[in-house]
Amino acid sequence: MGLRREEGVLERKLEDVYTKFKLHFYQEIFERFQDREASLTTVETFAMETIQALGSPTVNEFASFMHISQPNAAYKINSLIRKGYLAKIQSELDKREYHLQVTDKYRAYYNISNDYVRLVAQRVRQRFSPEECAQLEHMLAVVSQELMPEVVLEQE
């Protein structure tokens, strides 16, 4: 019985951390755009985060990863290009292929989230010993690389 309770605690703690990262991001976005409309829709934000995480995918790789049709992906990508958040770069190896790259405009938008991750990491280093930090890094690497096989990132 004690084991079940511990499992529930772990799930809640993971959900709490994930939720706090999301909510901080949302707070920052709303604060920055309170006097003007944000130029990215929610779905476009998800698309941009995915493209950035995948590295420099092609339209087909993006569509395949998101489980959407290639025309649907192309429509979303063209909108993001028009807004200046995304660029299509022709492949050096295969001139018929184009890779998607985030622009500086998006990096400035996305850094809202990255800055908070860096702040929390800094606080972790201040609060815990180097050994505890190394153990946390190891555990997070195992979670990311072994326990989340449904999502494979280029840098892994």
N, C-alpha and C. Protein backbone atom coordinates (compact mmCIF):
# COMPACT_ATOMS: atom_id res chain seq x y z
N MET A 1 0.83 -1.21 0.00
CA MET A 1 0.00 0.00 0.00
C MET A 1 0.86 1.26 0.00
N GLY A 2 1.95 1.24 0.79
CA GLY A 2 2.85 2.39 0.84
C GLY A 2 3.46 2.69 -0.52
N LEU A 3 3.72 1.66 -1.32
CA LEU A 3 4.31 1.85 -2.65
C LEU A 3 3.35 2.62 -3.56
N ARG A 4 2.08 2.28 -3.51
CA ARG A 4 1.11 3.00 -4.34
C ARG A 4 1.07 4.48 -3.99
N ARG A 5 1.10 4.78 -2.72
CA ARG A 5 1.06 6.17 -2.28
C ARG A 5 2.29 6.92 -2.81
N GLU A 6 3.46 6.28 -2.72
CA GLU A 6 4.68 6.91 -3.22
C GLU A 6 4.59 7.16 -4.72
N GLU A 7 4.02 6.20 -5.47
CA GLU A 7 3.87 6.40 -6.90
C GLU A 7 2.98 7.60 -7.19
N GLY A 8 1.91 7.77 -6.45
CA GLY A 8 1.03 8.91 -6.64
C GLY A 8 1.73 10.23 -6.33
N VAL A 9 2.59 10.21 -5.34
CA VAL A 9 3.34 11.42 -5.00
C VAL A 9 4.28 11.80 -6.13
N LEU A 10 4.97 10.82 -6.70
CA LEU A 10 5.89 11.10 -7.79
C LEU A 10 5.15 11.73 -8.97
N GLU A 11 4.00 11.17 -9.34
CA GLU A 11 3.22 11.73 -10.44
C GLU A 11 2.82 13.17 -10.15
N ARG A 12 2.35 13.42 -8.95
CA ARG A 12 1.94 14.79 -8.59
C ARG A 12 3.13 15.75 -8.62
N LYS A 13 4.28 15.32 -8.15
CA LYS A 13 5.46 16.20 -8.15
C LYS A 13 5.92 16.51 -9.58
N LEU A 14 5.91 15.50 -10.45
CA LEU A 14 6.27 15.75 -11.85
C LEU A 14 5.26 16.70 -12.51
N GLU A 15 3.97 16.47 -12.25
CA GLU A 15 2.94 17.36 -12.79
C GLU A 15 3.10 18.78 -12.26
N ASP A 16 3.42 18.92 -10.96
CA ASP A 16 3.61 20.25 -10.37
C ASP A 16 4.73 21.01 -11.06
N VAL A 17 5.87 20.36 -11.27
CA VAL A 17 7.02 21.02 -11.90
C VAL A 17 6.67 21.41 -13.33
N TYR A 18 6.10 20.47 -14.08
CA TYR A 18 5.72 20.75 -15.46
C TYR A 18 4.72 21.90 -15.53
N THR A 19 3.72 21.88 -14.67
CA THR A 19 2.71 22.93 -14.64
C THR A 19 3.31 24.28 -14.30
N LYS A 20 4.21 24.31 -13.33
CA LYS A 20 4.82 25.59 -12.96
C LYS A 20 5.65 26.18 -14.10
N PHE A 21 6.37 25.34 -14.84
CA PHE A 21 7.11 25.85 -16.00
C PHE A 21 6.14 26.43 -17.03
N LYS A 22 5.05 25.71 -17.32
CA LYS A 22 4.06 26.20 -18.28
C LYS A 22 3.43 27.50 -17.81
N LEU A 23 2.99 27.53 -16.56
CA LEU A 23 2.29 28.71 -16.06
C LEU A 23 3.19 29.93 -16.02
N HIS A 24 4.45 29.75 -15.68
CA HIS A 24 5.38 30.89 -15.71
C HIS A 24 5.50 31.42 -17.13
N PHE A 25 5.61 30.52 -18.10
CA PHE A 25 5.69 30.94 -19.50
C PHE A 25 4.44 31.73 -19.88
N TYR A 26 3.26 31.22 -19.50
CA TYR A 26 2.02 31.92 -19.83
C TYR A 26 1.95 33.30 -19.16
N GLN A 27 2.39 33.39 -17.91
CA GLN A 27 2.41 34.68 -17.22
C GLN A 27 3.25 35.69 -17.99
N GLU A 28 4.43 35.26 -18.39
CA GLU A 28 5.33 36.16 -19.12
C GLU A 28 4.75 36.58 -20.46
N ILE A 29 4.15 35.64 -21.16
CA ILE A 29 3.55 35.96 -22.46
C ILE A 29 2.42 36.98 -22.28
N PHE A 30 1.53 36.74 -21.33
CA PHE A 30 0.42 37.68 -21.11
C PHE A 30 0.93 39.05 -20.68
N GLU A 31 1.93 39.07 -19.81
CA GLU A 31 2.47 40.35 -19.35
C GLU A 31 3.07 41.14 -20.51
N ARG A 32 3.79 40.47 -21.38
CA ARG A 32 4.43 41.16 -22.50
C ARG A 32 3.43 41.63 -23.54
N PHE A 33 2.31 40.93 -23.65
CA PHE A 33 1.36 41.26 -24.70
C PHE A 33 0.06 41.85 -24.18
N GLN A 34 0.06 42.38 -22.96
CA GLN A 34 -1.19 42.89 -22.40
C GLN A 34 -1.71 44.11 -23.15
N ASP A 35 -0.82 44.90 -23.75
CA ASP A 35 -1.26 46.10 -24.46
C ASP A 35 -1.36 45.91 -25.97
N ARG A 36 -1.01 44.72 -26.43
CA ARG A 36 -1.12 44.45 -27.87
C ARG A 36 -1.36 42.96 -28.04
N GLU A 37 -1.86 42.60 -29.19
CA GLU A 37 -2.19 41.19 -29.44
C GLU A 37 -0.93 40.39 -29.73
N ALA A 38 -0.83 39.22 -29.17
CA ALA A 38 0.28 38.33 -29.47
C ALA A 38 0.17 37.89 -30.92
N SER A 39 1.30 37.74 -31.57
CA SER A 39 1.27 37.41 -32.98
C SER A 39 1.29 35.92 -33.25
N LEU A 40 1.47 35.09 -32.22
CA LEU A 40 1.42 33.64 -32.40
C LEU A 40 0.17 33.08 -31.72
N THR A 41 -0.55 32.25 -32.46
CA THR A 41 -1.67 31.55 -31.84
C THR A 41 -1.12 30.43 -30.98
N THR A 42 -1.97 29.83 -30.20
CA THR A 42 -1.56 28.71 -29.36
C THR A 42 -1.02 27.57 -30.20
N VAL A 43 -1.72 27.21 -31.25
CA VAL A 43 -1.27 26.11 -32.12
C VAL A 43 0.05 26.47 -32.78
N GLU A 44 0.20 27.72 -33.20
CA GLU A 44 1.47 28.14 -33.81
C GLU A 44 2.61 28.06 -32.80
N THR A 45 2.33 28.41 -31.55
CA THR A 45 3.35 28.31 -30.51
C THR A 45 3.78 26.86 -30.34
N PHE A 46 2.81 25.94 -30.32
CA PHE A 46 3.14 24.51 -30.22
C PHE A 46 3.99 24.08 -31.42
N ALA A 47 3.61 24.54 -32.61
CA ALA A 47 4.36 24.18 -33.81
C ALA A 47 5.79 24.70 -33.73
N MET A 48 5.95 25.93 -33.30
CA MET A 48 7.30 26.52 -33.20
C MET A 48 8.15 25.80 -32.17
N GLU A 49 7.57 25.48 -31.02
CA GLU A 49 8.32 24.75 -30.00
C GLU A 49 8.76 23.39 -30.53
N THR A 50 7.90 22.75 -31.30
CA THR A 50 8.23 21.45 -31.88
C THR A 50 9.36 21.58 -32.89
N ILE A 51 9.26 22.55 -33.77
CA ILE A 51 10.30 22.75 -34.79
C ILE A 51 11.64 23.05 -34.13
N GLN A 52 11.63 23.89 -33.11
CA GLN A 52 12.88 24.20 -32.42
C GLN A 52 13.45 22.95 -31.76
N ALA A 53 12.60 22.16 -31.13
CA ALA A 53 13.07 20.95 -30.45
C ALA A 53 13.61 19.92 -31.44
N LEU A 54 13.02 19.85 -32.64
CA LEU A 54 13.46 18.88 -33.63
C LEU A 54 14.76 19.29 -34.32
N GLY A 55 15.19 20.51 -34.12
CA GLY A 55 16.43 20.97 -34.74
C GLY A 55 16.12 21.77 -35.98
N SER A 56 16.29 21.15 -37.11
CA SER A 56 16.04 21.80 -38.39
C SER A 56 15.31 20.82 -39.31
N PRO A 57 14.06 20.49 -38.96
CA PRO A 57 13.35 19.45 -39.72
C PRO A 57 12.90 19.96 -41.09
N THR A 58 12.60 19.03 -41.96
CA THR A 58 11.93 19.37 -43.22
C THR A 58 10.43 19.48 -42.90
N VAL A 59 9.67 19.98 -43.86
CA VAL A 59 8.22 20.06 -43.69
C VAL A 59 7.66 18.65 -43.47
N ASN A 60 8.15 17.68 -44.23
CA ASN A 60 7.67 16.31 -44.10
C ASN A 60 8.02 15.72 -42.73
N GLU A 61 9.21 15.99 -42.23
CA GLU A 61 9.60 15.49 -40.91
C GLU A 61 8.72 16.10 -39.82
N PHE A 62 8.44 17.40 -39.95
CA PHE A 62 7.56 18.06 -39.01
C PHE A 62 6.16 17.45 -39.06
N ALA A 63 5.62 17.29 -40.27
CA ALA A 63 4.28 16.73 -40.43
C ALA A 63 4.21 15.32 -39.86
N SER A 64 5.22 14.53 -40.14
CA SER A 64 5.25 13.16 -39.64
C SER A 64 5.31 13.12 -38.12
N PHE A 65 6.16 13.96 -37.53
CA PHE A 65 6.29 13.99 -36.08
C PHE A 65 4.98 14.39 -35.42
N MET A 66 4.29 15.38 -35.99
CA MET A 66 3.05 15.90 -35.42
C MET A 66 1.83 15.07 -35.79
N HIS A 67 2.02 14.08 -36.67
CA HIS A 67 0.91 13.23 -37.12
C HIS A 67 -0.17 14.04 -37.81
N ILE A 68 0.27 14.96 -38.69
CA ILE A 68 -0.66 15.76 -39.48
C ILE A 68 -0.29 15.60 -40.95
N SER A 69 -1.21 15.98 -41.82
CA SER A 69 -0.95 15.85 -43.26
C SER A 69 0.11 16.86 -43.68
N GLN A 70 0.78 16.55 -44.78
CA GLN A 70 1.81 17.45 -45.30
C GLN A 70 1.19 18.79 -45.72
N PRO A 71 0.01 18.82 -46.38
CA PRO A 71 -0.60 20.11 -46.72
C PRO A 71 -0.97 20.94 -45.48
N ASN A 72 -1.45 20.28 -44.44
CA ASN A 72 -1.78 20.99 -43.20
C ASN A 72 -0.51 21.58 -42.59
N ALA A 73 0.56 20.80 -42.57
CA ALA A 73 1.84 21.29 -42.05
C ALA A 73 2.35 22.47 -42.87
N ALA A 74 2.26 22.35 -44.19
CA ALA A 74 2.72 23.43 -45.08
C ALA A 74 1.95 24.72 -44.83
N TYR A 75 0.64 24.60 -44.62
CA TYR A 75 -0.19 25.76 -44.33
C TYR A 75 0.27 26.47 -43.05
N LYS A 76 0.49 25.68 -41.98
CA LYS A 76 0.94 26.25 -40.71
C LYS A 76 2.32 26.89 -40.86
N ILE A 77 3.20 26.21 -41.56
CA ILE A 77 4.57 26.70 -41.74
C ILE A 77 4.58 27.99 -42.54
N ASN A 78 3.79 28.05 -43.60
CA ASN A 78 3.74 29.28 -44.41
C ASN A 78 3.25 30.47 -43.59
N SER A 79 2.29 30.24 -42.70
CA SER A 79 1.82 31.31 -41.83
C SER A 79 2.94 31.79 -40.92
N LEU A 80 3.71 30.86 -40.38
CA LEU A 80 4.82 31.22 -39.48
C LEU A 80 5.94 31.93 -40.23
N ILE A 81 6.14 31.58 -41.48
CA ILE A 81 7.14 32.27 -42.31
C ILE A 81 6.68 33.71 -42.56
N ARG A 82 5.39 33.88 -42.91
CA ARG A 82 4.85 35.23 -43.15
C ARG A 82 4.98 36.12 -41.91
N LYS A 83 4.82 35.53 -40.73
CA LYS A 83 4.92 36.29 -39.49
C LYS A 83 6.37 36.54 -39.06
N GLY A 84 7.31 35.91 -39.74
CA GLY A 84 8.72 36.16 -39.46
C GLY A 84 9.34 35.29 -38.37
N TYR A 85 8.65 34.24 -37.96
CA TYR A 85 9.16 33.38 -36.90
C TYR A 85 9.94 32.18 -37.42
N LEU A 86 9.81 31.92 -38.71
CA LEU A 86 10.37 30.70 -39.29
C LEU A 86 10.93 31.01 -40.67
N ALA A 87 11.99 30.29 -41.04
CA ALA A 87 12.56 30.42 -42.38
C ALA A 87 12.76 29.03 -42.97
N LYS A 88 12.64 28.97 -44.29
CA LYS A 88 12.95 27.73 -45.02
C LYS A 88 14.34 27.90 -45.62
N ILE A 89 15.22 26.96 -45.31
CA ILE A 89 16.60 27.01 -45.79
C ILE A 89 16.84 25.82 -46.72
N GLN A 90 17.31 26.11 -47.93
CA GLN A 90 17.55 25.04 -48.90
C GLN A 90 18.71 24.16 -48.44
N SER A 91 18.53 22.85 -48.57
CA SER A 91 19.56 21.88 -48.18
C SER A 91 20.76 21.99 -49.10
N GLU A 92 21.94 21.91 -48.52
CA GLU A 92 23.17 21.91 -49.31
C GLU A 92 23.32 20.59 -50.05
N LEU A 93 22.86 19.51 -49.44
CA LEU A 93 23.03 18.17 -50.01
C LEU A 93 22.00 17.85 -51.08
N ASP A 94 20.76 18.23 -50.84
CA ASP A 94 19.67 17.94 -51.77
C ASP A 94 18.91 19.24 -52.01
N LYS A 95 19.15 19.86 -53.14
CA LYS A 95 18.57 21.19 -53.44
C LYS A 95 17.04 21.17 -53.50
N ARG A 96 16.44 19.99 -53.60
CA ARG A 96 14.97 19.89 -53.62
C ARG A 96 14.38 19.98 -52.22
N GLU A 97 15.23 19.85 -51.20
CA GLU A 97 14.78 19.77 -49.81
C GLU A 97 15.03 21.09 -49.08
N TYR A 98 14.07 21.46 -48.25
CA TYR A 98 14.19 22.67 -47.44
C TYR A 98 14.05 22.31 -45.96
N HIS A 99 14.89 22.90 -45.14
CA HIS A 99 14.83 22.69 -43.70
C HIS A 99 14.24 23.93 -43.03
N LEU A 100 13.50 23.70 -41.97
CA LEU A 100 12.87 24.78 -41.23
C LEU A 100 13.81 25.25 -40.13
N GLN A 101 13.97 26.55 -40.03
CA GLN A 101 14.80 27.11 -38.97
C GLN A 101 14.07 28.26 -38.30
N VAL A 102 14.15 28.29 -36.98
CA VAL A 102 13.54 29.39 -36.25
C VAL A 102 14.38 30.65 -36.46
N THR A 103 13.73 31.79 -36.43
CA THR A 103 14.42 33.06 -36.64
C THR A 103 14.75 33.72 -35.30
N ASP A 104 15.52 34.78 -35.36
CA ASP A 104 15.85 35.55 -34.15
C ASP A 104 14.58 36.09 -33.50
N LYS A 105 13.60 36.44 -34.31
CA LYS A 105 12.33 36.94 -33.77
C LYS A 105 11.71 35.89 -32.85
N TYR A 106 11.72 34.62 -33.27
CA TYR A 106 11.16 33.57 -32.42
C TYR A 106 12.06 33.31 -31.22
N ARG A 107 13.37 33.32 -31.42
CA ARG A 107 14.28 33.07 -30.30
C ARG A 107 14.03 34.07 -29.17
N ALA A 108 13.78 35.32 -29.52
CA ALA A 108 13.48 36.33 -28.49
C ALA A 108 12.19 35.97 -27.76
N TYR A 109 11.20 35.49 -28.48
CA TYR A 109 9.92 35.07 -27.91
C TYR A 109 10.13 33.85 -27.02
N TYR A 110 10.90 32.88 -27.50
CA TYR A 110 11.10 31.62 -26.80
C TYR A 110 11.98 31.77 -25.57
N ASN A 111 12.87 32.72 -25.57
CA ASN A 111 13.78 32.89 -24.43
C ASN A 111 13.05 33.18 -23.14
N ILE A 112 11.79 33.58 -23.22
CA ILE A 112 10.98 33.76 -22.02
C ILE A 112 10.99 32.46 -21.22
N SER A 113 10.79 31.36 -21.91
CA SER A 113 10.76 30.04 -21.27
C SER A 113 12.16 29.59 -20.86
N ASN A 114 13.12 29.75 -21.75
CA ASN A 114 14.49 29.31 -21.46
C ASN A 114 15.10 30.06 -20.28
N ASP A 115 14.81 31.34 -20.17
CA ASP A 115 15.35 32.13 -19.06
C ASP A 115 14.89 31.57 -17.72
N TYR A 116 13.65 31.14 -17.66
CA TYR A 116 13.13 30.60 -16.40
C TYR A 116 13.76 29.24 -16.08
N VAL A 117 13.97 28.42 -17.11
CA VAL A 117 14.65 27.14 -16.90
C VAL A 117 16.04 27.39 -16.33
N ARG A 118 16.76 28.35 -16.90
CA ARG A 118 18.11 28.68 -16.39
C ARG A 118 18.05 29.17 -14.95
N LEU A 119 17.05 29.99 -14.62
CA LEU A 119 16.92 30.50 -13.26
C LEU A 119 16.66 29.35 -12.28
N VAL A 120 15.77 28.45 -12.63
CA VAL A 120 15.47 27.31 -11.75
C VAL A 120 16.71 26.42 -11.61
N ALA A 121 17.44 26.19 -12.71
CA ALA A 121 18.66 25.38 -12.64
C ALA A 121 19.69 26.04 -11.72
N GLN A 122 19.80 27.35 -11.79
CA GLN A 122 20.72 28.08 -10.90
C GLN A 122 20.31 27.90 -9.44
N ARG A 123 19.02 27.98 -9.19
CA ARG A 123 18.52 27.78 -7.82
C ARG A 123 18.77 26.35 -7.34
N VAL A 124 18.64 25.38 -8.24
CA VAL A 124 18.92 23.98 -7.89
C VAL A 124 20.38 23.85 -7.47
N ARG A 125 21.29 24.44 -8.25
CA ARG A 125 22.72 24.36 -7.92
C ARG A 125 23.04 25.02 -6.58
N GLN A 126 22.32 26.09 -6.25
CA GLN A 126 22.54 26.77 -4.97
C GLN A 126 21.97 25.96 -3.80
N ARG A 127 20.88 25.28 -4.03
CA ARG A 127 20.18 24.58 -2.96
C ARG A 127 20.75 23.20 -2.66
N PHE A 128 21.26 22.52 -3.70
CA PHE A 128 21.71 21.14 -3.55
C PHE A 128 23.23 21.02 -3.74
N SER A 129 23.77 19.97 -3.20
CA SER A 129 25.21 19.71 -3.32
C SER A 129 25.53 19.33 -4.77
N PRO A 130 26.81 19.44 -5.15
CA PRO A 130 27.20 18.99 -6.50
C PRO A 130 26.84 17.52 -6.75
N GLU A 131 26.94 16.70 -5.73
CA GLU A 131 26.59 15.29 -5.87
C GLU A 131 25.09 15.12 -6.13
N GLU A 132 24.28 15.87 -5.39
CA GLU A 132 22.83 15.80 -5.60
C GLU A 132 22.46 16.31 -6.99
N CYS A 133 23.12 17.38 -7.43
CA CYS A 133 22.85 17.92 -8.77
C CYS A 133 23.23 16.89 -9.84
N ALA A 134 24.37 16.23 -9.65
CA ALA A 134 24.79 15.20 -10.60
C ALA A 134 23.78 14.06 -10.64
N GLN A 135 23.25 13.68 -9.49
CA GLN A 135 22.24 12.61 -9.44
C GLN A 135 20.95 13.05 -10.15
N LEU A 136 20.54 14.30 -9.92
CA LEU A 136 19.35 14.82 -10.60
C LEU A 136 19.58 14.85 -12.12
N GLU A 137 20.74 15.33 -12.55
CA GLU A 137 21.07 15.35 -13.98
C GLU A 137 21.00 13.94 -14.56
N HIS A 138 21.55 12.97 -13.83
CA HIS A 138 21.54 11.58 -14.29
C HIS A 138 20.10 11.07 -14.40
N MET A 139 19.30 11.33 -13.38
CA MET A 139 17.92 10.85 -13.38
C MET A 139 17.12 11.49 -14.52
N LEU A 140 17.30 12.79 -14.73
CA LEU A 140 16.59 13.47 -15.82
C LEU A 140 17.03 12.94 -17.18
N ALA A 141 18.32 12.64 -17.33
CA ALA A 141 18.82 12.07 -18.59
C ALA A 141 18.19 10.71 -18.85
N VAL A 142 18.10 9.88 -17.82
CA VAL A 142 17.48 8.57 -17.97
C VAL A 142 16.00 8.72 -18.33
N VAL A 143 15.32 9.62 -17.65
CA VAL A 143 13.90 9.85 -17.95
C VAL A 143 13.76 10.28 -19.41
N SER A 144 14.56 11.24 -19.85
CA SER A 144 14.45 11.76 -21.20
C SER A 144 14.84 10.73 -22.26
N GLN A 145 15.95 10.06 -22.05
CA GLN A 145 16.50 9.18 -23.09
C GLN A 145 15.92 7.78 -23.08
N GLU A 146 15.52 7.27 -21.92
CA GLU A 146 15.06 5.89 -21.84
C GLU A 146 13.57 5.75 -21.56
N LEU A 147 13.02 6.62 -20.76
CA LEU A 147 11.65 6.44 -20.29
C LEU A 147 10.62 7.24 -21.08
N MET A 148 11.10 8.00 -22.08
CA MET A 148 10.20 8.76 -22.93
C MET A 148 10.49 8.44 -24.41
N PRO A 149 10.40 7.15 -24.78
CA PRO A 149 10.77 6.77 -26.15
C PRO A 149 9.83 7.30 -27.22
N GLU A 150 8.66 7.79 -26.83
CA GLU A 150 7.71 8.30 -27.82
C GLU A 150 8.17 9.61 -28.44
N VAL A 151 9.08 10.31 -27.78
CA VAL A 151 9.55 11.60 -28.27
C VAL A 151 11.07 11.55 -28.36
N VAL A 152 11.58 11.49 -29.59
CA VAL A 152 13.02 11.42 -29.81
C VAL A 152 13.46 12.76 -30.39
N LEU A 153 14.45 13.38 -29.73
CA LEU A 153 14.98 14.65 -30.20
C LEU A 153 16.33 14.44 -30.86
N GLU A 154 16.66 15.31 -31.78
CA GLU A 154 17.90 15.20 -32.56
C GLU A 154 19.14 15.16 -31.67
N GLN A 155 19.18 15.97 -30.61
CA GLN A 155 20.37 16.09 -29.78
C GLN A 155 20.61 14.92 -28.84
N GLU A 156 19.67 13.97 -28.75
CA GLU A 156 19.83 12.85 -27.83
C GLU A 156 20.76 11.80 -28.39
